[in-house]
Structures are given as C-alpha cells and as structure tokens.
Protein backbone atom coordinates (compact mmCIF):
# COMPACT_ATOMS: atom_id res chain seq x y z
CA UNK A 1 -0.99 26.41 -43.61
CA UNK A 2 -4.18 24.57 -42.66
CA UNK A 3 -5.54 24.40 -39.13
CA UNK A 4 -5.20 21.10 -37.28
CA UNK A 5 -7.98 18.63 -37.91
CA UNK A 6 -10.05 17.55 -34.86
CA UNK A 7 -7.94 15.25 -32.72
CA UNK A 8 -10.41 12.39 -32.99
CA UNK A 9 -9.69 12.28 -36.73
CA UNK A 10 -5.97 11.78 -36.27
CA UNK A 11 -5.61 8.02 -36.60
CA UNK A 12 -2.39 7.43 -34.73
CA UNK A 13 -2.99 3.72 -34.38
CA UNK A 14 -2.89 3.20 -38.16
CA UNK A 15 0.57 4.72 -38.28
CA UNK A 16 2.07 2.15 -35.88
CA UNK A 17 4.24 -0.63 -37.14
CA UNK A 18 2.32 -3.93 -37.26
CA UNK A 19 5.25 -5.74 -35.69
CA UNK A 20 4.77 -3.68 -32.52
CA UNK A 21 1.08 -4.25 -31.73
CA UNK A 22 -0.24 -2.35 -28.74
CA UNK A 23 -2.92 -3.58 -26.38
CA UNK A 24 -6.00 -1.41 -26.26
CA UNK A 25 -5.15 0.36 -23.00
CA UNK A 26 -1.60 1.20 -23.91
CA UNK A 27 -2.50 2.09 -27.47
CA UNK A 28 -5.22 4.46 -26.31
CA UNK A 29 -2.93 6.27 -23.92
CA UNK A 30 -0.13 6.52 -26.41
CA UNK A 31 -2.55 7.98 -28.92
CA UNK A 32 -3.47 10.58 -26.32
CA UNK A 33 0.20 11.26 -25.71
CA UNK A 34 0.83 11.71 -29.42
CA UNK A 35 -2.10 14.09 -29.79
CA UNK A 36 -0.83 16.16 -26.89
CA UNK A 37 2.61 16.34 -28.50
CA UNK A 38 1.02 17.56 -31.73
CA UNK A 39 -1.00 20.22 -29.95
CA UNK A 40 1.89 21.43 -27.82
CA UNK A 41 4.07 21.58 -30.92
CA UNK A 42 1.50 23.86 -32.56
CA UNK A 43 0.90 21.65 -35.59
CA UNK A 44 -1.35 23.01 -38.32
CA UNK A 45 -2.08 19.70 -40.02
CA UNK A 46 -1.80 15.98 -39.29
CA UNK A 47 1.58 14.46 -40.11
CA UNK A 48 1.75 13.40 -43.74
CA UNK A 49 3.23 10.29 -45.27
CA UNK A 50 6.71 11.76 -45.24
CA UNK A 51 6.70 12.04 -41.46
CA UNK A 52 8.36 8.68 -40.80
CA UNK A 53 8.70 9.21 -37.06
CA UNK A 54 4.98 9.80 -36.53
CA UNK A 55 4.17 6.82 -38.74
CA UNK A 56 6.07 4.36 -36.66
CA UNK A 57 5.46 4.91 -32.94
CA UNK A 58 3.59 7.74 -31.21
CA UNK A 59 6.31 8.78 -28.75
CA UNK A 60 9.21 8.47 -31.18
CA UNK A 61 12.05 10.73 -30.08
CA UNK A 62 10.60 11.41 -26.63
CA UNK A 63 12.62 10.50 -23.53
CA UNK A 64 10.61 9.79 -20.40
CA UNK A 65 12.33 9.93 -17.03
CA UNK A 66 11.05 7.70 -14.24
CA UNK A 67 12.29 7.95 -10.63
CA UNK A 68 11.83 4.94 -8.34
CA UNK A 69 12.02 5.73 -4.63
CA UNK A 70 13.32 3.37 -1.93
CA UNK A 71 12.74 0.21 -3.94
CA UNK A 72 15.84 -1.13 -5.75
CA UNK A 73 14.14 -4.43 -6.66
CA UNK A 74 11.32 -2.62 -8.42
CA UNK A 75 13.78 -0.28 -10.13
CA UNK A 76 15.68 -3.28 -11.54
CA UNK A 77 12.44 -4.87 -12.76
CA UNK A 78 11.45 -1.66 -14.57
CA UNK A 79 14.91 -1.20 -16.08
CA UNK A 80 14.60 -4.61 -17.71
CA UNK A 81 11.51 -3.43 -19.55
CA UNK A 82 13.08 -0.39 -21.21
CA UNK A 83 13.61 -2.21 -24.51
CA UNK A 84 10.05 -3.49 -24.64
CA UNK A 85 8.68 -0.03 -23.82
CA UNK A 86 10.72 1.54 -26.61
CA UNK A 87 9.61 -1.13 -29.07
CA UNK A 88 5.97 -0.39 -28.34
CA UNK A 89 6.03 3.37 -27.86
CA UNK A 90 9.16 4.66 -29.56
CA UNK A 91 10.12 6.41 -26.33
CA UNK A 92 13.39 6.11 -24.49
CA UNK A 93 13.00 5.37 -20.79
CA UNK A 94 15.50 6.57 -18.20
CA UNK A 95 15.15 5.03 -14.74
CA UNK A 96 16.77 6.68 -11.74
CA UNK A 97 16.77 5.72 -8.09
CA UNK A 98 16.03 8.17 -5.31
CA UNK A 99 15.16 8.10 -1.62
CA UNK A 100 11.86 9.19 -0.18
CA UNK A 101 13.67 11.76 1.94
CA UNK A 102 15.21 13.29 -1.18
CA UNK A 103 11.77 13.52 -2.73
CA UNK A 104 10.32 15.28 0.32
CA UNK A 105 13.20 17.76 0.33
CA UNK A 106 12.95 18.52 -3.40
CA UNK A 107 11.32 21.65 -4.77
CA UNK A 108 10.43 19.81 -7.98
CA UNK A 109 10.67 16.26 -9.29
CA UNK A 110 13.54 15.85 -11.73
CA UNK A 111 11.51 13.30 -13.69
CA UNK A 112 8.33 12.90 -15.69
CA UNK A 113 6.94 10.31 -13.29
CA UNK A 114 7.88 8.55 -10.09
CA UNK A 115 7.01 5.32 -8.30
CA UNK A 116 6.91 6.07 -4.59
CA UNK A 117 5.66 4.74 -1.27
CA UNK A 118 1.89 5.07 -0.98
CA UNK A 119 2.09 7.33 2.07
CA UNK A 120 4.12 9.91 0.14
CA UNK A 121 1.13 10.94 -1.95
CA UNK A 122 0.03 13.46 0.69
CA UNK A 123 3.28 15.38 1.11
CA UNK A 124 3.93 15.36 -2.65
CA UNK A 125 0.43 16.60 -3.48
CA UNK A 126 0.39 19.19 -0.69
CA UNK A 127 3.80 20.39 -1.83
CA UNK A 128 2.60 20.84 -5.41
CA UNK A 129 5.16 18.40 -6.82
CA UNK A 130 2.70 16.09 -8.57
CA UNK A 131 -0.24 16.60 -10.92
CA UNK A 132 -3.61 14.83 -11.05
CA UNK A 133 -4.03 12.00 -13.51
CA UNK A 134 -5.46 13.17 -16.86
CA UNK A 135 -9.26 12.92 -16.76
CA UNK A 136 -9.49 11.15 -20.11
CA UNK A 137 -7.38 8.31 -18.74
CA UNK A 138 -9.78 7.69 -15.88
CA UNK A 139 -12.84 7.87 -18.13
CA UNK A 140 -11.52 5.36 -20.63
CA UNK A 141 -12.62 1.75 -20.11
CA UNK A 142 -9.55 0.51 -22.02
CA UNK A 143 -7.32 1.76 -19.21
CA UNK A 144 -8.52 -1.22 -17.10
CA UNK A 145 -9.08 1.12 -14.17
CA UNK A 146 -12.24 -0.68 -13.12
CA UNK A 147 -10.51 -3.97 -12.37
CA UNK A 148 -8.30 -2.43 -9.69
CA UNK A 149 -9.56 -3.22 -6.19
CA UNK A 150 -11.97 -0.59 -4.94
CA UNK A 151 -10.08 0.91 -1.98
CA UNK A 152 -6.98 1.38 -4.08
CA UNK A 153 -8.55 3.04 -7.10
CA UNK A 154 -11.09 5.18 -5.22
CA UNK A 155 -9.29 5.93 -1.96
CA UNK A 156 -5.57 5.26 -1.90
CA UNK A 157 -4.68 7.21 -5.05
CA UNK A 158 -7.14 10.04 -4.33
CA UNK A 159 -6.12 13.28 -2.66
CA UNK A 160 -8.87 15.75 -1.93
CA UNK A 161 -11.28 15.41 -4.83
CA UNK A 162 -8.77 14.37 -7.51
CA UNK A 163 -7.06 11.13 -8.52
CA UNK A 164 -3.31 11.70 -8.34
CA UNK A 165 -1.74 8.30 -8.86
CA UNK A 166 -1.76 4.81 -10.35
CA UNK A 167 -1.74 1.83 -7.91
CA UNK A 168 1.17 -0.61 -8.02
CA UNK A 169 -0.11 -2.72 -5.13
CA UNK A 170 -0.29 -2.00 -1.41
CA UNK A 171 -0.27 -4.84 1.11
CA UNK A 172 -1.89 -4.58 4.51
CA UNK A 173 -0.89 -6.62 7.51
CA UNK A 174 -2.45 -10.08 7.53
CA UNK A 175 -2.31 -12.97 9.99
CA UNK A 176 -0.09 -15.97 9.18
CA UNK A 177 -1.36 -19.12 10.93
CA UNK A 178 0.10 -22.58 11.43
CA UNK A 179 -2.78 -24.53 9.94
CA UNK A 180 -1.62 -27.84 11.44
CA UNK A 181 -1.50 -26.45 14.96
CA UNK A 182 -4.90 -24.80 14.69
CA UNK A 183 -6.37 -28.06 13.38
CA UNK A 184 -4.89 -30.01 16.30
CA UNK A 185 -6.44 -27.54 18.75
CA UNK A 186 -9.76 -27.49 16.92
CA UNK A 187 -9.46 -23.78 16.21
CA UNK A 188 -9.98 -21.49 13.23
CA UNK A 189 -8.08 -18.29 12.36
CA UNK A 190 -9.33 -15.55 14.69
CA UNK A 191 -12.11 -13.23 13.50
CA UNK A 192 -11.81 -10.70 16.33
CA UNK A 193 -8.97 -9.44 18.49
CA UNK A 194 -10.64 -11.06 21.51
CA UNK A 195 -10.46 -14.43 19.73
CA UNK A 196 -6.87 -13.70 18.76
CA UNK A 197 -5.90 -13.11 22.40
CA UNK A 198 -7.53 -16.36 23.56
CA UNK A 199 -5.66 -18.21 20.85
CA UNK A 200 -2.37 -16.57 21.87
CA UNK A 201 -2.87 -17.71 25.46
CA UNK A 202 -3.54 -21.27 24.31
CA UNK A 203 -0.58 -21.36 21.92
CA UNK A 204 1.80 -20.08 24.58
CA UNK A 205 1.54 -23.45 26.36
CA UNK A 206 3.94 -25.79 24.55
CA UNK A 207 2.40 -28.79 26.30
CA UNK A 208 -0.83 -28.29 24.36
CA UNK A 209 0.99 -28.54 21.05
CA UNK A 210 1.97 -32.18 21.54
CA UNK A 211 4.18 -33.56 18.75
CA UNK A 212 3.87 -30.23 16.93
CA UNK A 213 5.74 -28.42 19.69
CA UNK A 214 9.21 -27.18 18.70
CA UNK A 215 12.19 -29.01 20.21
CA UNK A 216 13.40 -27.86 23.61
CA UNK A 217 15.78 -24.97 23.30
CA UNK A 218 14.14 -23.75 20.09
CA UNK A 219 12.77 -20.21 20.29
CA UNK A 220 8.99 -20.17 20.59
CA UNK A 221 6.33 -17.48 20.93
CA UNK A 222 2.63 -17.81 20.31
CA UNK A 223 2.77 -14.81 17.99
CA UNK A 224 5.23 -12.37 16.46
CA UNK A 225 4.22 -8.83 15.53
CA UNK A 226 6.32 -6.05 13.94
CA UNK A 227 7.49 -3.89 16.84
CA UNK A 228 10.67 -2.49 15.33
CA UNK A 229 11.38 1.14 14.40
CA UNK A 230 8.78 2.46 11.98
CA UNK A 231 6.51 -0.52 12.60
CA UNK A 232 5.46 -0.66 16.26
CA UNK A 233 3.10 2.29 15.79
CA UNK A 234 1.71 0.91 12.53
CA UNK A 235 1.07 -2.50 14.10
CA UNK A 236 -0.74 -0.79 16.96
CA UNK A 237 -2.87 1.26 14.56
CA UNK A 238 -3.69 -1.82 12.47
CA UNK A 239 -5.03 -3.40 15.64
CA UNK A 240 -6.91 -0.29 16.77
CA UNK A 241 -8.77 0.95 13.71
CA UNK A 242 -11.48 -1.72 13.65
CA UNK A 243 -12.73 -0.42 17.00
CA UNK A 244 -11.89 3.24 16.37
CA UNK A 245 -13.48 3.72 12.92
CA UNK A 246 -17.18 4.36 13.41
CA UNK A 247 -19.03 4.50 10.06
CA UNK A 248 -20.58 7.86 11.01
CA UNK A 249 -17.32 9.52 12.09
CA UNK A 250 -14.46 10.90 10.00
CA UNK A 251 -12.38 11.67 13.09
CA UNK A 252 -10.21 8.64 13.81
CA UNK A 253 -6.59 9.63 14.36
CA UNK A 254 -7.29 13.36 14.70
CA UNK A 255 -10.35 15.49 15.31
CA UNK A 256 -11.08 16.86 11.85
CA UNK A 257 -12.12 20.25 13.23
CA UNK A 258 -9.32 20.93 15.70
CA UNK A 259 -6.54 18.44 14.81
CA UNK A 260 -6.57 17.34 18.44
CA UNK A 261 -4.97 13.87 18.44
CA UNK A 262 -7.25 10.93 19.26
CA UNK A 263 -4.40 8.53 19.78
CA UNK A 264 -5.21 8.23 23.50
CA UNK A 265 -8.96 7.69 23.00
CA UNK A 266 -10.71 4.61 24.50
CA UNK A 267 -10.44 2.34 21.43
CA UNK A 268 -6.73 3.14 21.15
CA UNK A 269 -6.18 2.38 24.82
CA UNK A 270 -8.00 -0.94 24.49
CA UNK A 271 -5.91 -1.85 21.44
CA UNK A 272 -2.61 -1.10 23.17
CA UNK A 273 -3.61 -3.12 26.23
CA UNK A 274 -4.43 -6.05 23.94
CA UNK A 275 -1.13 -5.70 22.07
CA UNK A 276 0.78 -5.68 25.36
CA UNK A 277 -1.02 -8.82 26.52
CA UNK A 278 -0.27 -10.64 23.25
CA UNK A 279 3.42 -9.75 22.95
CA UNK A 280 4.57 -9.33 26.55
CA UNK A 281 7.38 -11.75 27.27
CA UNK A 282 8.21 -12.18 23.61
CA UNK A 283 11.82 -12.39 22.41
CA UNK A 284 13.99 -9.30 22.54
CA UNK A 285 14.29 -9.49 18.75
CA UNK A 286 10.67 -8.41 18.39
CA UNK A 287 11.67 -4.80 19.09
CA UNK A 288 13.78 -4.89 15.92
CA UNK A 289 11.24 -6.71 13.76
CA UNK A 290 9.57 -5.39 10.66
CA UNK A 291 7.21 -7.51 8.56
CA UNK A 292 10.14 -9.25 6.83
CA UNK A 293 11.72 -10.38 10.11
CA UNK A 294 8.35 -11.53 11.45
CA UNK A 295 7.75 -13.51 8.27
CA UNK A 296 11.17 -15.12 8.61
CA UNK A 297 10.52 -16.12 12.23
CA UNK A 298 7.26 -17.76 11.18
CA UNK A 299 8.92 -19.81 8.42
CA UNK A 300 11.62 -20.92 10.86
CA UNK A 301 8.86 -22.40 13.03
CA UNK A 302 9.39 -19.99 15.92
CA UNK A 303 5.73 -18.96 16.29
CA UNK A 304 2.22 -20.12 15.43
CA UNK A 305 0.83 -16.73 14.45
CA UNK A 306 2.53 -13.77 12.78
CA UNK A 307 1.43 -10.38 11.49
CA UNK A 308 3.01 -9.72 8.10
CA UNK A 309 2.10 -10.24 4.44
CA UNK A 310 3.19 -12.76 1.80
CA UNK A 311 5.67 -11.88 -0.92
CA UNK A 312 7.61 -13.81 -3.53
CA UNK A 313 10.23 -11.05 -3.64
CA UNK A 314 11.86 -11.76 -0.28
CA UNK A 315 14.37 -14.56 0.20
CA UNK A 316 13.33 -17.12 2.77
CA UNK A 317 15.75 -17.74 5.66
CA UNK A 318 18.22 -20.56 5.04
CA UNK A 319 16.72 -22.55 7.93
CA UNK A 320 13.11 -22.10 6.76
CA UNK A 321 10.87 -25.09 7.33
CA UNK A 322 9.38 -25.23 3.87
CA UNK A 323 6.99 -28.07 4.71
CA UNK A 324 4.99 -26.00 7.22
CA UNK A 325 1.21 -26.08 6.80
CA UNK A 326 0.43 -22.40 6.35
CA UNK A 327 -2.70 -20.36 5.93
CA UNK A 328 -3.02 -16.59 5.82
CA UNK A 329 -6.11 -14.88 7.23
CA UNK A 330 -7.39 -11.34 7.20
CA UNK A 331 -6.42 -9.29 10.23
CA UNK A 332 -9.02 -9.66 13.01
CA UNK A 333 -11.72 -7.05 13.56
CA UNK A 334 -13.94 -5.85 16.38
CA UNK A 335 -17.55 -6.60 17.32
CA UNK A 336 -17.69 -3.22 19.06
CA UNK A 337 -16.89 0.25 17.79
CA UNK A 338 -16.40 3.50 19.66
CA UNK A 339 -18.52 6.49 18.69
CA UNK A 340 -16.16 9.40 19.27
CA UNK A 341 -18.93 12.00 18.96
CA UNK A 342 -21.15 10.43 21.60
CA UNK A 343 -18.27 8.90 23.56
CA UNK A 344 -19.89 5.50 23.86
CA UNK A 345 -19.11 1.95 22.80
CA UNK A 346 -21.73 0.35 20.56
CA UNK A 347 -22.12 -3.14 19.15
CA UNK A 348 -21.69 -3.33 15.41
CA UNK A 349 -24.86 -4.07 13.48
CA UNK A 350 -25.02 -7.52 11.93
CA UNK A 351 -24.62 -6.04 8.45
CA UNK A 352 -21.56 -3.99 9.46
CA UNK A 353 -18.13 -5.37 8.65
CA UNK A 354 -15.94 -6.04 11.68
CA UNK A 355 -12.73 -5.64 9.72
CA UNK A 356 -11.28 -2.20 8.92
CA UNK A 357 -8.00 -2.27 6.96
CA UNK A 358 -5.18 0.16 7.70
CA UNK A 359 -3.99 1.49 4.34
CA UNK A 360 -0.66 3.13 3.46
CA UNK A 361 1.32 0.91 5.81
CA UNK A 362 3.33 -0.11 2.74
CA UNK A 363 2.73 -0.17 -1.00
CA UNK A 364 3.75 1.68 -4.14
CA UNK A 365 1.97 4.16 -6.39
CA UNK A 366 2.95 5.93 -9.61
CA UNK A 367 2.66 9.73 -9.84
CA UNK A 368 3.13 12.30 -12.60
CA UNK A 369 5.49 15.20 -11.94
CA UNK A 370 3.71 18.54 -12.14
CA UNK A 371 6.50 19.97 -14.30
CA UNK A 372 6.64 17.01 -16.70
CA UNK A 373 6.75 18.04 -20.36
CA UNK A 374 5.03 14.77 -21.29
CA UNK A 375 2.19 14.16 -18.80
CA UNK A 376 0.16 11.97 -21.16
CA UNK A 377 3.23 9.91 -21.99
CA UNK A 378 3.99 9.60 -18.28
CA UNK A 379 0.43 8.42 -17.65
CA UNK A 380 0.76 5.88 -20.47
CA UNK A 381 4.01 4.58 -18.99
CA UNK A 382 2.59 4.19 -15.47
CA UNK A 383 -0.53 2.39 -16.68
CA UNK A 384 1.56 0.11 -18.90
CA UNK A 385 3.88 -0.81 -16.01
CA UNK A 386 0.95 -1.46 -13.67
CA UNK A 387 -1.44 -2.96 -16.22
CA UNK A 388 -2.21 -6.40 -17.52
CA UNK A 389 -0.16 -6.25 -20.72
CA UNK A 390 3.01 -7.60 -19.15
CA UNK A 391 3.12 -11.30 -18.38
CA UNK A 392 4.54 -10.77 -14.89
CA UNK A 393 3.94 -7.34 -13.31
CA UNK A 394 7.21 -5.65 -12.34
CA UNK A 395 5.66 -4.73 -8.99
CA UNK A 396 5.66 -8.43 -8.07
CA UNK A 397 9.44 -8.06 -7.68
CA UNK A 398 8.97 -5.58 -4.83
CA UNK A 399 8.70 -6.65 -1.19
CA UNK A 400 6.41 -3.66 -0.56
CA UNK A 401 3.59 -4.57 -2.94
CA UNK A 402 0.93 -7.20 -3.43
CA UNK A 403 -1.74 -8.11 -5.97
CA UNK A 404 -4.21 -5.31 -6.72
CA UNK A 405 -6.24 -6.31 -9.79
CA UNK A 406 -9.03 -8.80 -10.45
CA UNK A 407 -6.84 -10.44 -13.11
CA UNK A 408 -4.12 -11.07 -10.51
CA UNK A 409 -6.44 -13.55 -8.80
CA UNK A 410 -5.71 -15.98 -11.63
CA UNK A 411 -2.00 -16.27 -10.77
CA UNK A 412 -1.74 -15.73 -7.01
CA UNK A 413 1.47 -17.71 -6.58
CA UNK A 414 3.63 -15.03 -8.19
CA UNK A 415 2.83 -12.90 -5.11
CA UNK A 416 3.60 -15.39 -2.30
CA UNK A 417 6.53 -17.41 -0.97
CA UNK A 418 7.32 -20.51 -3.02
CA UNK A 419 6.60 -23.08 -0.24
CA UNK A 420 3.05 -21.79 0.14
CA UNK A 421 0.57 -24.23 -1.38
CA UNK A 422 -1.64 -23.24 -4.32
CA UNK A 423 -4.64 -23.41 -1.99
CA UNK A 424 -2.99 -21.08 0.53
CA UNK A 425 -1.93 -18.70 -2.26
CA UNK A 426 -5.47 -18.63 -3.61
CA UNK A 427 -6.89 -18.00 -0.16
CA UNK A 428 -4.48 -15.10 0.32
CA UNK A 429 -5.51 -13.61 -3.03
CA UNK A 430 -9.18 -13.88 -2.08
CA UNK A 431 -8.66 -12.25 1.31
CA UNK A 432 -6.64 -9.44 -0.27
CA UNK A 433 -9.51 -8.74 -2.65
CA UNK A 434 -11.98 -8.82 0.26
CA UNK A 435 -9.78 -6.55 2.38
CA UNK A 436 -9.24 -4.00 -0.39
CA UNK A 437 -12.93 -3.85 -1.20
CA UNK A 438 -14.12 -3.16 2.35
CA UNK A 439 -16.56 -0.31 2.91
CA UNK A 440 -14.47 1.23 5.69
CA UNK A 441 -10.72 1.92 5.85
CA UNK A 442 -8.27 4.17 7.70
CA UNK A 443 -5.07 5.66 6.34
CA UNK A 444 -1.85 5.41 8.33
CA UNK A 445 -0.78 9.05 8.40
CA UNK A 446 -0.36 10.22 4.81
CA UNK A 447 0.07 13.80 6.01
CA UNK A 448 3.35 15.73 6.37
CA UNK A 449 5.28 14.76 9.50
CA UNK A 450 4.40 11.07 9.26
CA UNK A 451 7.87 9.90 10.33
CA UNK A 452 7.78 12.10 13.45
CA UNK A 453 4.27 11.04 14.43
CA UNK A 454 5.13 7.36 13.99
CA UNK A 455 8.40 7.67 15.91
CA UNK A 456 6.48 9.05 18.89
CA UNK A 457 3.96 6.24 18.59
CA UNK A 458 6.71 3.61 18.26
CA UNK A 459 8.23 4.86 21.50
CA UNK A 460 4.90 4.69 23.32
CA UNK A 461 4.08 1.16 22.10
CA UNK A 462 7.49 -0.25 22.98
CA UNK A 463 7.46 1.42 26.40
CA UNK A 464 4.11 -0.23 27.14
CA UNK A 465 5.15 -3.68 25.90
CA UNK A 466 8.39 -3.53 27.91
CA UNK A 467 6.42 -2.60 31.03
CA UNK A 468 8.16 0.77 31.35
CA UNK A 469 4.84 2.65 31.18
CA UNK A 470 1.20 1.77 31.61
CA UNK A 471 -0.65 1.85 28.28
CA UNK A 472 -2.70 4.91 29.29
CA UNK A 473 0.40 6.88 30.31
CA UNK A 474 2.27 5.84 27.17
CA UNK A 475 -0.55 7.03 24.92
CA UNK A 476 -0.96 10.30 26.82
CA UNK A 477 2.72 10.99 26.20
CA UNK A 478 2.30 10.12 22.52
CA UNK A 479 -0.69 12.46 22.23
CA UNK A 480 1.34 15.27 23.80
CA UNK A 481 4.10 14.70 21.29
CA UNK A 482 1.60 14.62 18.41
CA UNK A 483 0.26 18.04 19.49
CA UNK A 484 3.78 19.42 19.48
CA UNK A 485 4.45 18.05 15.99
CA UNK A 486 1.18 19.48 14.68
CA UNK A 487 1.89 22.88 16.24
CA UNK A 488 5.37 22.92 14.72
CA UNK A 489 4.11 22.10 11.23
CA UNK A 490 1.08 24.38 11.50
CA UNK A 491 -2.34 23.32 12.74
CA UNK A 492 -4.28 24.67 9.76
CA UNK A 493 -1.81 23.25 7.28
CA UNK A 494 -2.05 19.83 8.91
CA UNK A 495 -5.82 20.02 9.14
CA UNK A 496 -6.07 20.80 5.44
CA UNK A 497 -3.81 17.86 4.61
CA UNK A 498 -5.76 15.53 6.92
CA UNK A 499 -9.03 16.50 5.25
CA UNK A 500 -7.49 15.94 1.82
CA UNK A 501 -6.32 12.49 2.95
CA UNK A 502 -9.96 11.68 3.76
CA UNK A 503 -11.04 12.84 0.27
CA UNK A 504 -12.59 15.93 1.86
CA UNK A 505 -12.06 19.58 0.99
CA UNK A 506 -11.38 22.11 3.78
C-alpha cells in the first residue's frame, strides 16, 4: 500500500456536498479535523472515489460530546443547532448538562469539549483536565480569532503561556444610569468612584428629583449594587482594582512571591470604605442581590444607578417601567493608583487609563477535554458555535455572556433588554469593546479555592456595610481567612496557579 500523500494535498473541501456549503473558518477547521482522523487511523492513501463517507462531510460518523456547565439556557440554544451542525460537518452532537462542582470533582471530562464559566479555566487547566487549543487554529486567519476583543482572546482564555479556550462572551459589571434624572441634575455618568459617591449623595435626596421622584411609599435608593452571596466580594473587587492595579506591579490580590494576601492593602481599604458609604442604609434585599436582581430593581424604578450588565436573555420583572430613559456607562475608575512595591499613592499619568476591568466575574468559555479522541473536531465545534457563521450566536441566550466580537457591534440589541433604545444598545456595545480592549485588567480569582476565598470576602463586605465591623477590621479578618485557605490548598500550588493566571510561568 502507498504512503499517505502530504496532508496539504488532501482536498477535503472538494469532497463536500455543494448543498452543505461551509464558511471559510468552519471549513478550514473541519478539514483539519478530517486530516487528523486520517492520520490517527493510519491511512496509507487518500480516500478514493468509493469512499462515500469521506466524500460527503469530513466528520461523517464521528460523534462529538459537548458538556455545558451551569447554563441551561445556553445548553438549550446549542441543542437546537445539532441538526445544522450535522448537516455541515457530518458529525453527531450530543449535549449534556453538568454543574461546575461536578467538573471540579471529576478526574476527567466525560466529553470532547465543554462550555464552562470563565473562572473555571484555572482549576481545569491546573488539574490537567483540558488541553491547549491546536496551534494551527490560532494561526489561521479564517478562524476569525483576530476580531475577538483583545482582553478575551489574549488574556481570558490564556493559562500560563498557552491558549486553552474559545471565548463565548464575558460581561463585566457596568453602571446603569437613569439618563432623565442625570439630565435634570446637569450630571454625566461618573468617571471616577469619587464622582460616583458625590452623585449617590445627591440622588439620595428625593426632593432634588422633582417630578422624577418615585411616589411616596415606593422603594428608593440612589444606587443598587450586588451584595448577595457570591457577589459582594466581586462587587468590592470591581470597585477596588482601578486603584490597586499599578501598571508596574503584578501583585494585586496576592504577592506573587509569597502568596501573602493583599486584600487588606490601602487601595482595598479605600474601596471598601467607599462601598460602605454608597450602600449604607440601602434596602435589606441588597444582601440577597446578584446582578439580575439589581437589574430588576433598576427597571422597576427603585434606583437611579445600578451595577449590573445588560442581557436580552433575562425576563424583565412584570412591573418593569419600560419607558425609562436608560444609559449604561463603563464602571468608574481611579485618578490615583497605589504602588504596592513602594507603598505610596501616585497620580495616574494623563496617558494612563483610569478604568481597570475585573475579568472572570461571569462569562463562558469553550474548552477541549484532554482525553478527547477528536480534539480538532472539538475545536471546530467550539469555533463554529462562537463564530460569525450563525445568524444569532447561541451565547446570546445566556444571562452570563455578552458581545465579544467586532462583528457583534453591528447588532447590539440582541444582547440587551428589549426596552433599551437602539442608541443605548449601541453605546453599551461601544463601552464593552472599550472595556475589553483596555491595557490593564485584573482577574477575579481564577485559581483553585475561588469559592472559599470569595465567601470570606462576601462575609467581610457585608459585615462592613451592615456596620458590624469597621472596614479595616473586616478586611484584616478576610486576609486571615485567605491565608488559611492558601495554607490548606498548598502555598506553592496556589502560587503556581496564580502565576499561570497572570500568563506567567513559575
């Protein structure tokens, strides 16, 4: 039997049925998948004309298994595409649902690929459960990799020095504003947390709102911020990182040499004091609020500002005031930054960005299981599901995603609530692009033990807001707990993971 011809001579595309045309990105990846199948199968010659299966579709007869973690809406959206995927690739697609906790407890992924929360990349990569993306996928212009927003393609899906995932969209907290109220007061959305606090103090006085004030007896707070379980600590970090992330320092949440927690450092203390001032006296419900509840309170007209993000996937409350004049602004930043090495506050240079986004607060990514028998096919599937070929991206059906490609800027309204005006939707799309192409960013604990670290931080933040502890004492207690968690999990293990999360090698 003859040896295989060079793979570049195997014209897989010409063997596809014309009634199932593939876009360039998907076609390229499926050709790669087919070539890999041929090599693994030990072929000695290209398939001949009698090989009907290879003629038709490159993954004919292959079954790909995709696990979707903690996102039933996204799982349903993907399941609806199984027929279209088979028509284009020839591959069967099995979609299963799993919890993030099950994934973390598993010794291997019982799937070829998985769509998971962004923050799970670290534990999955450190645990050896996922494999890097094939290099040829990342080098190929047809894969449309370059149109993904910078922080997502070069930071969020990178672990250590390798790219491990495909982005499906990761929102960061933004600031909802009542545009009509701001206009009446002659104010603009706040650019810094100091401006935000002044605006909160002004908006707390119903008398200043005039005819825009809610009726007596209606709940009202100047702002609502997510302070519920799993979110109080993230909200605090989102406020803190613009002052804590110095461009010359890698150490932000931990010291990268010792893993000593920096959660009680001066910029963190300032941020917690500001959070307490903004939310003190707020409704009791705020301690149960996640972004969805905060968004609902805003649309009911119960606040003028709210920290959340837009989504078309969530149902608006029945009593939503759909005529509200709404604008969404980027989260405020800081004119000062703390240099942890020199232990001094410094003013940001004029060319330095004040805003520093907190990544991995939410979001979804696609990963390839290390033990997958079809890694190229899995890569093709993930890029097809997250690419531009589909009219409406399935990730738009998830409440934990947002737009993440340049092409998404053309149809921003599929990512926001229906009452939001086209202008407001476009402004949100633009700010998302700006946010996810910032030069600086901080990750919200992608290392093992995230849930424990955040639980300790949640407790500290709520204790400070309720007045049970002074901010300094609350953060000291949180830092003590963080040391205990790190010691339990292993200092060197955690340090290695933290360095990998920063795209550094130990």
